[in-house]
Protein backbone atom coordinates (compact mmCIF):
# COMPACT_ATOMS: atom_id res chain seq x y z
CA MET A 1 64.40 98.00 94.36
CA ILE A 2 63.47 95.30 92.20
CA ILE A 3 60.22 95.45 90.33
CA SER A 4 58.54 91.57 88.77
CA ARG A 5 56.06 91.42 86.69
CA THR A 6 54.27 87.63 86.31
CA PRO A 7 51.32 86.64 84.59
CA TYR A 8 48.14 84.46 85.31
CA ARG A 9 46.87 81.73 83.33
CA ILE A 10 43.66 79.95 81.55
CA SER A 11 43.84 76.39 81.86
CA PHE A 12 41.93 74.92 78.64
CA PHE A 13 42.58 71.08 79.90
CA GLY A 14 43.70 68.40 81.91
CA GLY A 15 43.09 70.54 85.31
CA GLY A 16 43.08 67.49 88.15
CA THR A 17 45.73 65.07 86.70
CA ASP A 18 48.24 68.20 87.81
CA TYR A 19 47.42 67.11 91.93
CA PRO A 20 50.58 64.75 92.89
CA ALA A 21 48.10 62.82 94.18
CA TYR A 22 47.20 62.03 90.68
CA TYR A 23 50.18 62.62 88.75
CA LEU A 24 52.50 60.09 90.35
CA LYS A 25 50.74 57.60 89.82
CA TYR A 26 49.30 57.95 86.32
CA GLY A 27 50.95 60.92 84.71
CA GLY A 28 49.25 64.37 83.83
CA LYS A 29 48.82 66.45 81.63
CA THR A 30 47.85 70.15 81.01
CA LEU A 31 47.34 72.47 78.32
CA GLY A 32 46.37 76.73 78.56
CA VAL A 33 48.22 79.76 78.06
CA SER A 34 49.41 82.66 80.14
CA ILE A 35 47.70 85.70 80.47
CA ASP A 36 48.70 89.90 80.04
CA LYS A 37 47.44 90.04 82.96
CA TYR A 38 49.72 90.47 86.18
CA CYS A 39 50.56 89.93 90.07
CA TYR A 40 53.32 93.33 90.38
CA LEU A 41 55.97 92.90 93.26
CA ASN A 42 58.32 95.72 94.78
CA ILE A 43 60.76 94.20 96.56
CA ARG A 44 63.34 96.43 98.39
CA LYS A 45 65.71 96.28 101.40
CA LEU A 46 64.33 97.43 104.10
CA PRO A 47 66.72 100.78 105.89
CA PRO A 48 66.99 100.40 109.74
CA PHE A 49 65.45 103.09 110.82
CA PHE A 50 61.80 101.54 111.91
CA ASP A 51 60.55 99.69 114.84
CA HIS A 52 59.62 97.01 112.40
CA LYS A 53 61.99 94.94 110.36
CA HIS A 54 59.19 94.05 107.25
CA ARG A 55 57.21 95.69 105.65
CA ILE A 56 54.55 93.33 103.88
CA VAL A 57 52.02 95.59 101.93
CA TYR A 58 48.93 93.37 100.05
CA SER A 59 45.47 93.64 100.91
CA LYS A 60 46.51 94.05 104.75
CA MET A 61 49.71 95.96 105.32
CA GLU A 62 51.96 93.96 107.67
CA ASN A 63 54.75 95.28 109.73
CA VAL A 64 56.55 92.47 111.57
CA LYS A 65 59.64 92.22 113.48
CA SER A 66 60.31 88.88 112.97
CA ILE A 67 59.56 86.58 109.39
CA GLU A 68 58.03 83.92 112.08
CA GLU A 69 55.17 86.75 112.80
CA ILE A 70 54.66 86.97 108.89
CA GLN A 71 50.78 85.91 108.39
CA HIS A 72 51.12 85.72 104.65
CA PRO A 73 52.06 82.21 104.51
CA SER A 74 54.19 82.49 100.67
CA VAL A 75 55.80 85.40 101.69
CA ARG A 76 56.74 84.06 105.10
CA GLU A 77 57.50 80.23 104.12
CA THR A 78 59.76 82.18 100.67
CA LEU A 79 61.97 84.36 103.03
CA LYS A 80 62.62 81.76 105.12
CA TYR A 81 63.55 79.22 101.92
CA LEU A 82 66.08 81.91 101.32
CA LYS A 83 67.24 82.34 104.97
CA ILE A 84 66.99 85.97 103.73
CA ASP A 85 68.37 87.37 107.08
CA TYR A 86 68.25 90.97 106.34
CA GLY A 87 64.46 93.78 106.91
CA ILE A 88 63.21 93.76 102.78
CA SER A 89 59.98 95.60 101.81
CA ILE A 90 57.38 93.56 99.70
CA HIS A 91 54.48 95.16 98.44
CA HIS A 92 52.17 93.78 95.40
CA ASP A 93 49.92 94.72 93.07
CA GLY A 94 47.74 92.55 90.87
CA ASP A 95 45.47 93.28 88.07
CA ILE A 96 42.86 90.62 89.53
CA PRO A 97 42.29 89.89 92.61
CA ALA A 98 43.00 87.35 94.59
CA ARG A 99 41.03 83.78 94.97
CA SER A 100 39.37 83.51 91.37
CA GLY A 101 40.82 80.83 89.72
CA VAL A 102 44.17 82.24 87.01
CA GLY A 103 46.52 80.65 89.55
CA SER A 104 47.35 84.42 91.26
CA SER A 105 48.73 82.49 94.43
CA SER A 106 51.05 80.48 92.39
CA ALA A 107 52.30 83.96 90.25
CA PHE A 108 52.78 85.71 93.48
CA THR A 109 55.01 82.48 95.11
CA VAL A 110 57.16 83.04 91.69
CA GLY A 111 57.44 86.74 91.14
CA LEU A 112 58.22 86.72 94.95
CA LEU A 113 60.76 84.16 94.60
CA ASN A 114 62.23 85.95 91.40
CA SER A 115 62.77 89.21 92.49
CA LEU A 116 64.32 88.20 95.75
CA TYR A 117 67.22 86.44 93.92
CA ALA A 118 67.36 89.72 91.63
CA LEU A 119 67.76 90.98 94.81
CA GLU A 120 70.72 88.98 95.86
CA GLY A 121 71.78 89.66 92.09
CA LYS A 122 71.19 86.03 90.93
CA THR A 123 69.48 84.51 88.46
CA VAL A 124 67.12 81.61 88.16
CA SER A 125 66.01 79.43 85.22
CA LYS A 126 62.36 79.07 84.62
CA HIS A 127 62.00 75.42 85.46
CA ASP A 128 63.70 76.48 88.72
CA LEU A 129 61.43 78.69 89.34
CA ALA A 130 58.01 76.31 88.40
CA LEU A 131 59.57 73.72 90.52
CA GLU A 132 60.59 75.68 94.18
CA ALA A 133 57.69 77.31 93.61
CA ILE A 134 55.46 74.26 93.93
CA ASN A 135 57.85 73.18 96.50
CA ILE A 136 57.13 76.17 98.75
CA GLU A 137 53.57 75.83 98.45
CA GLN A 138 52.43 72.28 98.24
CA GLU A 139 55.48 71.44 101.23
CA LEU A 140 56.37 74.61 102.94
CA ILE A 141 52.73 75.93 103.36
CA GLY A 142 50.96 73.00 103.04
CA GLU A 143 48.22 74.19 100.47
CA HIS A 144 46.37 71.77 98.38
CA VAL A 145 47.62 73.57 94.80
CA GLY A 146 48.12 71.47 91.82
CA SER A 147 51.18 71.90 90.13
CA GLN A 148 50.67 73.44 86.72
CA ASP A 149 50.13 77.18 87.63
CA GLN A 150 53.57 78.01 88.65
CA VAL A 151 54.81 76.62 85.70
CA PHE A 152 52.64 78.67 83.56
CA ALA A 153 53.35 81.94 85.85
CA ALA A 154 57.09 80.87 85.38
CA TYR A 155 57.47 79.96 81.69
CA GLY A 156 54.49 82.02 80.41
CA GLY A 157 53.30 81.50 76.95
CA LEU A 158 50.61 78.69 75.82
CA ASN A 159 51.84 74.99 76.78
CA VAL A 160 51.59 71.71 77.01
CA ILE A 161 52.80 70.56 80.25
CA ASN A 162 53.55 67.24 81.04
CA PHE A 163 53.76 65.60 84.61
CA LEU A 164 55.39 62.79 84.76
CA SER A 165 54.30 59.60 87.34
CA VAL A 166 58.69 59.70 88.10
CA GLY A 167 57.91 63.37 89.31
CA LYS A 168 59.53 65.21 86.49
CA ILE A 169 57.37 68.27 84.93
CA VAL A 170 58.13 68.69 81.18
CA VAL A 171 57.25 71.93 79.17
CA GLU A 172 56.24 71.38 75.79
CA PRO A 173 55.36 75.04 73.68
CA VAL A 174 52.06 74.93 71.09
CA ILE A 175 54.02 75.61 67.84
CA MET A 176 51.48 77.66 65.38
CA LYS A 177 51.58 80.24 62.56
CA PRO A 178 51.52 83.69 63.37
CA ASP A 179 48.18 84.21 61.98
CA ARG A 180 46.42 80.87 63.71
CA LEU A 181 47.55 81.98 66.68
CA LEU A 182 46.63 85.37 66.77
CA THR A 183 42.75 84.03 65.00
CA PHE A 184 42.60 81.37 68.01
CA GLU A 185 43.85 83.99 70.76
CA GLN A 186 40.66 86.27 69.47
CA LYS A 187 38.29 83.40 70.16
CA PHE A 188 38.11 83.73 74.07
CA MET A 189 36.07 85.72 76.09
CA LEU A 190 36.75 86.44 80.00
CA PHE A 191 33.69 87.35 82.55
CA PHE A 192 34.28 88.01 86.48
CA THR A 193 31.57 85.85 88.12
CA GLY A 194 31.99 88.34 91.36
CA PHE A 195 32.65 85.42 93.68
CA SER A 196 35.62 84.21 95.29
CA ARG A 197 36.48 81.33 96.29
CA THR A 198 39.29 79.20 98.50
CA ALA A 199 40.98 77.35 95.31
CA SER A 200 42.27 74.91 98.65
CA GLU A 201 39.56 74.00 99.93
CA ILE A 202 37.40 73.13 96.78
CA ALA A 203 41.33 71.21 95.54
CA LYS A 204 41.15 69.40 98.72
CA ASP A 205 37.23 67.30 98.02
CA LYS A 206 38.83 66.97 94.48
CA ILE A 207 41.74 65.41 95.69
CA ARG A 208 39.77 63.55 97.78
CA ASN A 209 37.45 62.43 95.33
CA ILE A 210 40.34 60.86 92.58
CA PRO A 211 39.93 57.66 93.60
CA SER A 212 36.19 57.67 92.39
CA ASN A 213 37.09 60.34 89.42
CA GLY A 214 39.62 57.69 87.50
CA VAL A 215 37.37 58.08 84.21
CA SER A 216 36.96 61.60 84.49
CA LEU A 217 40.32 62.46 84.96
CA LEU A 218 41.34 60.26 82.16
CA ARG A 219 39.46 61.75 79.45
CA MET A 220 40.40 65.43 80.70
CA LYS A 221 43.97 63.84 80.11
CA GLU A 222 43.42 62.40 76.97
CA MET A 223 41.56 65.74 75.74
CA VAL A 224 45.41 67.94 75.99
CA ASP A 225 46.14 65.97 72.91
CA GLU A 226 42.99 66.53 71.07
CA GLY A 227 43.35 70.00 72.19
CA TYR A 228 46.82 70.24 70.85
CA LYS A 229 45.82 68.64 67.63
CA ILE A 230 43.37 70.68 66.87
CA LEU A 231 45.38 73.55 67.09
CA VAL A 232 48.44 72.49 65.25
CA SER A 233 46.64 71.05 62.28
CA HIS A 234 46.16 73.89 59.65
CA ASN A 235 42.99 72.21 58.07
CA ARG A 236 41.05 71.90 61.62
CA ASN A 237 38.76 74.38 62.51
CA LEU A 238 39.25 76.07 65.48
CA LYS A 239 35.59 76.07 66.32
CA GLU A 240 36.69 72.94 67.54
CA PHE A 241 38.94 73.69 69.95
CA GLY A 242 35.31 75.47 71.66
CA LYS A 243 33.06 72.00 71.27
CA LEU A 244 35.82 70.42 73.53
CA LEU A 245 36.43 72.89 75.97
CA ASN A 246 32.18 72.53 76.35
CA GLU A 247 32.99 69.37 76.93
CA ALA A 248 35.80 69.56 79.53
CA TRP A 249 33.24 71.83 81.33
CA LYS A 250 30.76 68.76 81.91
CA PHE A 251 33.76 66.50 82.73
CA LYS A 252 35.05 69.01 85.52
CA LYS A 253 31.56 69.58 87.03
CA THR A 254 31.72 65.87 87.95
CA LEU A 255 34.70 66.01 90.00
CA SER A 256 33.25 68.13 92.87
CA THR A 257 30.06 69.09 93.96
CA LYS A 258 31.62 72.37 95.13
CA ILE A 259 32.69 73.32 91.31
CA SER A 260 29.59 74.66 90.31
CA SER A 261 26.72 76.46 91.31
CA LEU A 262 23.14 77.11 90.32
CA GLU A 263 24.21 80.37 88.92
CA ILE A 264 27.28 79.59 87.19
CA ASP A 265 24.88 76.77 85.60
CA GLU A 266 22.69 79.58 84.44
CA MET A 267 25.80 81.72 83.30
CA TYR A 268 27.40 79.30 81.13
CA GLU A 269 23.40 78.61 79.66
CA VAL A 270 23.29 82.19 79.03
CA ALA A 271 26.36 82.26 76.90
CA MET A 272 25.85 78.74 74.84
CA ARG A 273 22.14 80.35 74.21
CA ASN A 274 23.49 83.43 72.73
CA GLY A 275 26.86 82.24 70.56
CA ALA A 276 29.24 80.76 72.48
CA VAL A 277 30.53 76.68 71.25
CA GLY A 278 31.94 76.04 74.69
CA GLY A 279 33.46 77.36 77.88
CA LYS A 280 35.22 76.83 81.59
CA LEU A 281 35.17 77.87 85.16
CA LEU A 282 38.46 78.56 85.71
CA GLY A 283 41.16 76.98 88.60
CA ALA A 284 39.52 74.53 91.16
CA GLY A 285 35.59 76.06 91.11
CA GLY A 286 33.49 77.68 93.64
CA GLY A 287 33.55 81.00 91.73
CA GLY A 288 36.33 83.88 89.95
CA PHE A 289 36.54 83.99 86.05
CA MET A 290 35.03 81.76 83.46
CA VAL A 291 35.89 81.72 79.91
CA PHE A 292 34.22 81.65 76.79
CA TYR A 293 35.34 80.49 73.25
CA VAL A 294 33.39 82.66 71.03
CA GLU A 295 33.13 83.62 67.26
CA PRO A 296 34.39 87.02 66.62
CA GLU A 297 30.79 87.71 65.02
CA ASN A 298 28.43 86.35 68.54
CA GLN A 299 31.30 88.16 71.01
CA LEU A 300 28.45 91.09 71.25
CA LYS A 301 25.64 89.50 71.22
CA VAL A 302 27.12 86.95 74.55
CA LYS A 303 28.92 90.47 76.09
CA GLU A 304 25.24 91.99 76.09
CA ALA A 305 23.83 89.10 77.24
CA LEU A 306 26.29 88.07 80.01
CA LYS A 307 26.21 92.66 80.84
CA LYS A 308 26.08 91.52 84.49
CA TYR A 309 28.86 90.01 84.71
CA LEU A 310 32.22 91.89 84.26
CA TYR A 311 34.02 91.80 80.79
CA VAL A 312 37.76 91.64 80.73
CA PRO A 313 39.59 91.51 77.48
CA PHE A 314 43.05 90.31 77.50
CA ASN A 315 46.01 88.93 75.06
CA PHE A 316 48.11 86.30 75.15
CA ASP A 317 51.48 86.24 77.65
CA PHE A 318 55.03 84.85 75.94
CA ASP A 319 57.00 86.00 78.65
CA GLY A 320 56.33 84.42 82.06
CA SER A 321 57.85 85.98 85.13
CA ARG A 322 59.97 88.83 84.44
CA ILE A 323 62.24 91.37 86.52
CA ILE A 324 60.61 94.55 84.96
CA VAL A 325 62.81 97.14 87.05
CA TYR A 326 66.32 96.50 88.36
CA LYS A 327 68.13 98.63 90.46
CA PRO A 328 70.28 97.08 93.23
CA VAL A 329 71.52 98.80 96.07
CA ARG A 330 75.93 99.49 95.32
CA GLU A 331 76.67 99.37 98.90
CA ARG A 332 79.92 100.75 100.13
CA LEU A 333 82.65 98.37 101.01
CA GLU A 334 84.55 99.75 104.34
CA LYS A 335 87.99 100.02 104.36
CA ASN A 336 90.27 98.96 107.70
CA GLY A 337 92.99 101.35 109.02
């Protein structure tokens, strides 16, 4: 039996420049962090005592006789990609619901790859985990997704991710003094808007608009370097990061009319009136989680003002995708004669 734990993420700056349609032409860059909200996968070989060969449990339960019958696209394509020829049981649990803007689908794919490799007795680097997950989601499934979620899920941590026009992905950890990092971590509040949406459809609209959004995307990419400088410069006030986040949200909304809504805009304004410095909707848009930069002395006020929304405390994660239980089945070899 294998149990993996893979983190979700918060993207601060540069989202939209991590789509291959953009970065393979102009180069992209994002700044974000993995958080201690996780996708858990329990995986084992399924004994051949049942009518079905594979069992997959998530929001649905699938009992199927062949990989081709599997409805869950990531499970189906990952099993095909790894050429799994034995029966398998996959059970998913997540700390956060799907389609909520924190990279849950990519965390699932990264965790699934990591688990299946462990089941085979193999280890794989974080870099390869990310690249293989990107290939499965973008090429094999055909999802309209970017490339940062898979990297944050695999690596964990607070990072600048560079997406080079030649296709190479370079991860640069943000190095901060421990006390400054802890102070920074404590500035954020995460709220669930109560909506879910299909990120791929909104992302498709954003990709379609790339030619007309060149100025906005360039500015959003520049904010990555600005945010990085704020974090690593000891004499810079972290509040500048919150103000930059506010600017980033304004630019993000120009990428597609589907990103925000009247209720989301009202939620944002309520938070700002009650002490938030900046914030943004996470993921492709349309719903899910909103993160705010709020000085600690104003956090109770913001929480009260947004009391109709679910508040989700969190910390940063620096582990990335991990195998937390490894109990391989030791098969006895049959003797001839």
